[in-house]
Amino acid sequence: MNEADGASKAVGAAALKIGEVARRAGVGIETLRFYERSGLLNRPARTEGGYRLYDSKALKALEFIKRAQSLGFTLEEIKRIMAESRAGQRPCAEVRETVRRRLTELDEQMAQIRRYRNALATTLKQWDEKGFADGEFCGLIESAEISDLKPERNNLKRRGR
């Protein structure tokens, strides 16, 4: 099918320009272009003037992408899920395993944060009892007996799994 056929087919299916799709989906125009370049969205039909024309499938895909992101899926994971689905497969087992892994990671992070919180509370209690401490910069910090319990800044969405 050539571009003109694609544009007329999209027009017949209530085609929307990029700005309208972005507004309805609640994403930016650059986000749409990025999703298109990265293969998350199918390339839309174009008018003779080069304007993108999206159909209702694009809106459904964008809704899915946003929902999957809110569940913690990376764009790479979402792309794989969508590709499997388009190929007629059911990615549900992989989806469950991914979320199961995320829950385990969150539980570990929460435990680490609780340990850090408790250590900070103990340190603050000691400082409140001490009041002030001499030091080169701040004696309270310099005399703190806290180990490296500070949780890492681990953004779950940055993993490349």
C-alpha atoms as a PDB file:
ATOM      1  CA  MET A   1       0.000   0.000   0.000  1.00  0.00           C
ATOM      2  CA  ASN A   2       1.434   3.392  -0.890  1.00  0.00           C
ATOM      3  CA  GLU A   3       1.383   6.539   1.254  1.00  0.00           C
ATOM      4  CA  ALA A   4      -1.686   8.006  -0.390  1.00  0.00           C
ATOM      5  CA  ASP A   5      -3.630   4.758   0.130  1.00  0.00           C
ATOM      6  CA  GLY A   6      -2.536   4.688   3.773  1.00  0.00           C
ATOM      7  CA  ALA A   7      -3.609   8.297   4.262  1.00  0.00           C
ATOM      8  CA  SER A   8      -7.021   7.680   2.695  1.00  0.00           C
ATOM      9  CA  LYS A   9      -7.479   4.527   4.748  1.00  0.00           C
ATOM     10  CA  ALA A  10      -6.561   6.462   7.918  1.00  0.00           C
ATOM     11  CA  VAL A  11      -8.919   9.286   6.944  1.00  0.00           C
ATOM     12  CA  GLY A  12     -11.721   6.772   6.545  1.00  0.00           C
ATOM     13  CA  ALA A  13     -10.961   5.472  10.034  1.00  0.00           C
ATOM     14  CA  ALA A  14     -11.288   8.867  11.783  1.00  0.00           C
ATOM     15  CA  ALA A  15      -7.640   9.851  11.400  1.00  0.00           C
ATOM     16  CA  LEU A  16      -6.154  12.247  13.905  1.00  0.00           C
ATOM     17  CA  LYS A  17      -3.175  14.534  13.528  1.00  0.00           C
ATOM     18  CA  ILE A  18      -0.289  14.278  15.945  1.00  0.00           C
ATOM     19  CA  GLY A  19      -1.381  17.193  18.145  1.00  0.00           C
ATOM     20  CA  GLU A  20      -4.849  15.743  18.692  1.00  0.00           C
ATOM     21  CA  VAL A  21      -3.473  12.284  19.487  1.00  0.00           C
ATOM     22  CA  ALA A  22      -0.974  13.794  21.922  1.00  0.00           C
ATOM     23  CA  ARG A  23      -3.730  15.800  23.625  1.00  0.00           C
ATOM     24  CA  ARG A  24      -6.119  12.847  23.888  1.00  0.00           C
ATOM     25  CA  ALA A  25      -3.402  10.502  25.146  1.00  0.00           C
ATOM     26  CA  GLY A  26      -1.941  13.044  27.555  1.00  0.00           C
ATOM     27  CA  VAL A  27       1.578  12.831  26.131  1.00  0.00           C
ATOM     28  CA  GLY A  28       3.811  15.265  24.298  1.00  0.00           C
ATOM     29  CA  ILE A  29       4.259  15.378  20.557  1.00  0.00           C
ATOM     30  CA  GLU A  30       7.954  14.535  20.950  1.00  0.00           C
ATOM     31  CA  THR A  31       6.946  11.502  23.023  1.00  0.00           C
ATOM     32  CA  LEU A  32       4.783  10.282  20.138  1.00  0.00           C
ATOM     33  CA  ARG A  33       7.631  10.759  17.700  1.00  0.00           C
ATOM     34  CA  PHE A  34      10.004   8.938  20.075  1.00  0.00           C
ATOM     35  CA  TYR A  35       7.566   6.010  20.470  1.00  0.00           C
ATOM     36  CA  GLU A  36       7.274   5.834  16.705  1.00  0.00           C
ATOM     37  CA  ARG A  37      11.068   5.841  16.192  1.00  0.00           C
ATOM     38  CA  SER A  38      11.568   3.209  18.885  1.00  0.00           C
ATOM     39  CA  GLY A  39       8.937   0.885  17.435  1.00  0.00           C
ATOM     40  CA  LEU A  40       6.378   1.180  20.227  1.00  0.00           C
ATOM     41  CA  LEU A  41       3.908   2.784  17.827  1.00  0.00           C
ATOM     42  CA  ASN A  42       3.401   1.713  14.249  1.00  0.00           C
ATOM     43  CA  ARG A  43       4.357   4.311  11.692  1.00  0.00           C
ATOM     44  CA  PRO A  44       1.229   6.302  10.929  1.00  0.00           C
ATOM     45  CA  ALA A  45      -0.107   7.094   7.501  1.00  0.00           C
ATOM     46  CA  ARG A  46       0.858  10.491   6.123  1.00  0.00           C
ATOM     47  CA  THR A  47      -0.945  13.063   4.089  1.00  0.00           C
ATOM     48  CA  GLU A  48       0.544  14.317   0.831  1.00  0.00           C
ATOM     49  CA  GLY A  49       1.826  17.258   2.863  1.00  0.00           C
ATOM     50  CA  GLY A  50       3.646  14.886   5.224  1.00  0.00           C
ATOM     51  CA  TYR A  51       1.349  15.213   8.243  1.00  0.00           C
ATOM     52  CA  ARG A  52       1.037  12.105  10.368  1.00  0.00           C
ATOM     53  CA  LEU A  53      -2.443  10.608  10.536  1.00  0.00           C
ATOM     54  CA  TYR A  54      -3.110   8.262  13.436  1.00  0.00           C
ATOM     55  CA  ASP A  55      -6.043   5.903  13.824  1.00  0.00           C
ATOM     56  CA  SER A  56      -7.771   4.650  16.979  1.00  0.00           C
ATOM     57  CA  LYS A  57      -5.240   1.806  17.320  1.00  0.00           C
ATOM     58  CA  ALA A  58      -2.564   4.376  18.124  1.00  0.00           C
ATOM     59  CA  LEU A  59      -4.670   5.743  20.982  1.00  0.00           C
ATOM     60  CA  LYS A  60      -5.192   2.216  22.332  1.00  0.00           C
ATOM     61  CA  ALA A  61      -1.460   1.534  22.107  1.00  0.00           C
ATOM     62  CA  LEU A  62      -0.682   4.778  23.940  1.00  0.00           C
ATOM     63  CA  GLU A  63      -3.173   3.918  26.664  1.00  0.00           C
ATOM     64  CA  PHE A  64      -1.513   0.508  27.029  1.00  0.00           C
ATOM     65  CA  ILE A  65       1.977   2.046  27.162  1.00  0.00           C
ATOM     66  CA  LYS A  66       0.943   4.501  29.889  1.00  0.00           C
ATOM     67  CA  ARG A  67      -0.786   1.783  31.918  1.00  0.00           C
ATOM     68  CA  ALA A  68       2.224  -0.541  31.624  1.00  0.00           C
ATOM     69  CA  GLN A  69       4.559   2.285  32.655  1.00  0.00           C
ATOM     70  CA  SER A  70       2.406   2.960  35.716  1.00  0.00           C
ATOM     71  CA  LEU A  71       2.925  -0.700  36.645  1.00  0.00           C
ATOM     72  CA  GLY A  72       6.686  -0.193  36.423  1.00  0.00           C
ATOM     73  CA  PHE A  73       7.432  -1.712  33.025  1.00  0.00           C
ATOM     74  CA  THR A  74      10.301  -0.212  31.059  1.00  0.00           C
ATOM     75  CA  LEU A  75       9.756   0.927  27.491  1.00  0.00           C
ATOM     76  CA  GLU A  76      11.924  -1.965  26.318  1.00  0.00           C
ATOM     77  CA  GLU A  77       9.728  -4.435  28.225  1.00  0.00           C
ATOM     78  CA  ILE A  78       6.573  -2.795  26.869  1.00  0.00           C
ATOM     79  CA  LYS A  79       7.934  -2.988  23.335  1.00  0.00           C
ATOM     80  CA  ARG A  80       8.653  -6.706  23.780  1.00  0.00           C
ATOM     81  CA  ILE A  81       5.166  -7.356  25.223  1.00  0.00           C
ATOM     82  CA  MET A  82       3.503  -5.495  22.354  1.00  0.00           C
ATOM     83  CA  ALA A  83       5.628  -7.307  19.757  1.00  0.00           C
ATOM     84  CA  GLU A  84       4.767 -10.707  21.231  1.00  0.00           C
ATOM     85  CA  SER A  85       1.099  -9.788  21.264  1.00  0.00           C
ATOM     86  CA  ARG A  86       1.201  -8.575  17.653  1.00  0.00           C
ATOM     87  CA  ALA A  87       2.848 -11.898  16.746  1.00  0.00           C
ATOM     88  CA  GLY A  88      -0.157 -13.727  18.188  1.00  0.00           C
ATOM     89  CA  GLN A  89       1.505 -14.770  21.446  1.00  0.00           C
ATOM     90  CA  ARG A  90       0.241 -14.184  24.965  1.00  0.00           C
ATOM     91  CA  PRO A  91       2.932 -12.473  27.049  1.00  0.00           C
ATOM     92  CA  CYS A  92       0.996 -12.893  30.315  1.00  0.00           C
ATOM     93  CA  ALA A  93       3.463 -15.323  31.944  1.00  0.00           C
ATOM     94  CA  GLU A  94       6.371 -12.953  31.283  1.00  0.00           C
ATOM     95  CA  VAL A  95       4.314 -10.028  32.609  1.00  0.00           C
ATOM     96  CA  ARG A  96       3.530 -11.873  35.844  1.00  0.00           C
ATOM     97  CA  GLU A  97       7.187 -12.835  36.318  1.00  0.00           C
ATOM     98  CA  THR A  98       8.341  -9.274  35.730  1.00  0.00           C
ATOM     99  CA  VAL A  99       5.912  -7.919  38.320  1.00  0.00           C
ATOM    100  CA  ARG A 100       6.830 -10.719  40.739  1.00  0.00           C
ATOM    101  CA  ARG A 101      10.507  -9.711  40.371  1.00  0.00           C
ATOM    102  CA  ARG A 102       9.626  -6.038  40.891  1.00  0.00           C
ATOM    103  CA  LEU A 103       7.733  -6.832  44.085  1.00  0.00           C
ATOM    104  CA  THR A 104      10.728  -8.736  45.453  1.00  0.00           C
ATOM    105  CA  GLU A 105      13.004  -5.815  44.601  1.00  0.00           C
ATOM    106  CA  LEU A 106      10.607  -3.337  46.219  1.00  0.00           C
ATOM    107  CA  ASP A 107      10.416  -5.464  49.375  1.00  0.00           C
ATOM    108  CA  GLU A 108      14.225  -5.497  49.547  1.00  0.00           C
ATOM    109  CA  GLN A 109      14.396  -1.732  49.038  1.00  0.00           C
ATOM    110  CA  MET A 110      11.732  -1.110  51.667  1.00  0.00           C
ATOM    111  CA  ALA A 111      13.615  -3.256  54.192  1.00  0.00           C
ATOM    112  CA  GLN A 112      16.798  -1.342  53.412  1.00  0.00           C
ATOM    113  CA  ILE A 113      14.974   1.976  53.823  1.00  0.00           C
ATOM    114  CA  ARG A 114      13.517   0.830  57.174  1.00  0.00           C
ATOM    115  CA  ARG A 115      17.015  -0.056  58.416  1.00  0.00           C
ATOM    116  CA  TYR A 116      18.312   3.317  57.271  1.00  0.00           C
ATOM    117  CA  ARG A 117      15.384   5.131  58.896  1.00  0.00           C
ATOM    118  CA  ASN A 118      15.975   3.342  62.195  1.00  0.00           C
ATOM    119  CA  ALA A 119      19.688   4.136  62.090  1.00  0.00           C
ATOM    120  CA  LEU A 120      18.929   7.807  61.424  1.00  0.00           C
ATOM    121  CA  ALA A 121      16.390   7.907  64.254  1.00  0.00           C
ATOM    122  CA  THR A 122      18.949   6.396  66.661  1.00  0.00           C
ATOM    123  CA  THR A 123      21.589   8.876  65.511  1.00  0.00           C
ATOM    124  CA  LEU A 124      19.217  11.815  65.946  1.00  0.00           C
ATOM    125  CA  LYS A 125      18.284  10.637  69.438  1.00  0.00           C
ATOM    126  CA  GLN A 126      21.994  10.516  70.343  1.00  0.00           C
ATOM    127  CA  TRP A 127      22.505  14.002  68.903  1.00  0.00           C
ATOM    128  CA  ASP A 128      19.509  15.351  70.823  1.00  0.00           C
ATOM    129  CA  GLU A 129      21.019  13.983  74.035  1.00  0.00           C
ATOM    130  CA  LYS A 130      24.462  15.394  73.172  1.00  0.00           C
ATOM    131  CA  GLY A 131      23.243  18.788  71.991  1.00  0.00           C
ATOM    132  CA  PHE A 132      26.415  20.086  70.353  1.00  0.00           C
ATOM    133  CA  ALA A 133      29.800  18.677  69.414  1.00  0.00           C
ATOM    134  CA  ASP A 134      32.958  20.398  68.358  1.00  0.00           C
ATOM    135  CA  GLY A 135      34.502  19.441  65.058  1.00  0.00           C
ATOM    136  CA  GLU A 136      36.152  20.779  61.981  1.00  0.00           C
ATOM    137  CA  PHE A 137      32.825  21.194  60.175  1.00  0.00           C
ATOM    138  CA  CYS A 138      30.076  19.717  62.351  1.00  0.00           C
ATOM    139  CA  GLY A 139      31.045  17.553  65.293  1.00  0.00           C
ATOM    140  CA  LEU A 140      27.710  15.742  65.289  1.00  0.00           C
ATOM    141  CA  ILE A 141      28.278  14.397  61.797  1.00  0.00           C
ATOM    142  CA  GLU A 142      31.960  13.744  62.385  1.00  0.00           C
ATOM    143  CA  SER A 143      31.220  11.676  65.502  1.00  0.00           C
ATOM    144  CA  ALA A 144      28.225   9.827  64.052  1.00  0.00           C
ATOM    145  CA  GLU A 145      28.466   6.066  64.424  1.00  0.00           C
ATOM    146  CA  ILE A 146      26.343   5.223  61.447  1.00  0.00           C
ATOM    147  CA  SER A 147      27.400   2.674  58.889  1.00  0.00           C
ATOM    148  CA  ASP A 148      26.718   2.873  55.175  1.00  0.00           C
ATOM    149  CA  LEU A 149      23.035   2.078  55.521  1.00  0.00           C
ATOM    150  CA  LYS A 150      21.919   4.782  53.143  1.00  0.00           C
ATOM    151  CA  PRO A 151      19.797   3.119  50.476  1.00  0.00           C
ATOM    152  CA  GLU A 152      21.031   3.312  46.913  1.00  0.00           C
ATOM    153  CA  ARG A 153      18.996   5.426  44.602  1.00  0.00           C
ATOM    154  CA  ASN A 154      17.721   2.536  42.548  1.00  0.00           C
ATOM    155  CA  ASN A 155      15.180   3.559  39.981  1.00  0.00           C
ATOM    156  CA  LEU A 156      13.421   0.319  39.040  1.00  0.00           C
ATOM    157  CA  LYS A 157      12.530   1.658  35.604  1.00  0.00           C
ATOM    158  CA  ARG A 158      16.169   2.050  34.579  1.00  0.00           C
ATOM    159  CA  ARG A 159      16.939  -1.638  34.553  1.00  0.00           C
ATOM    160  CA  GLY A 160      17.507  -3.171  31.158  1.00  0.00           C
ATOM    161  CA  ARG A 161      15.826  -6.532  31.841  1.00  0.00           C
END
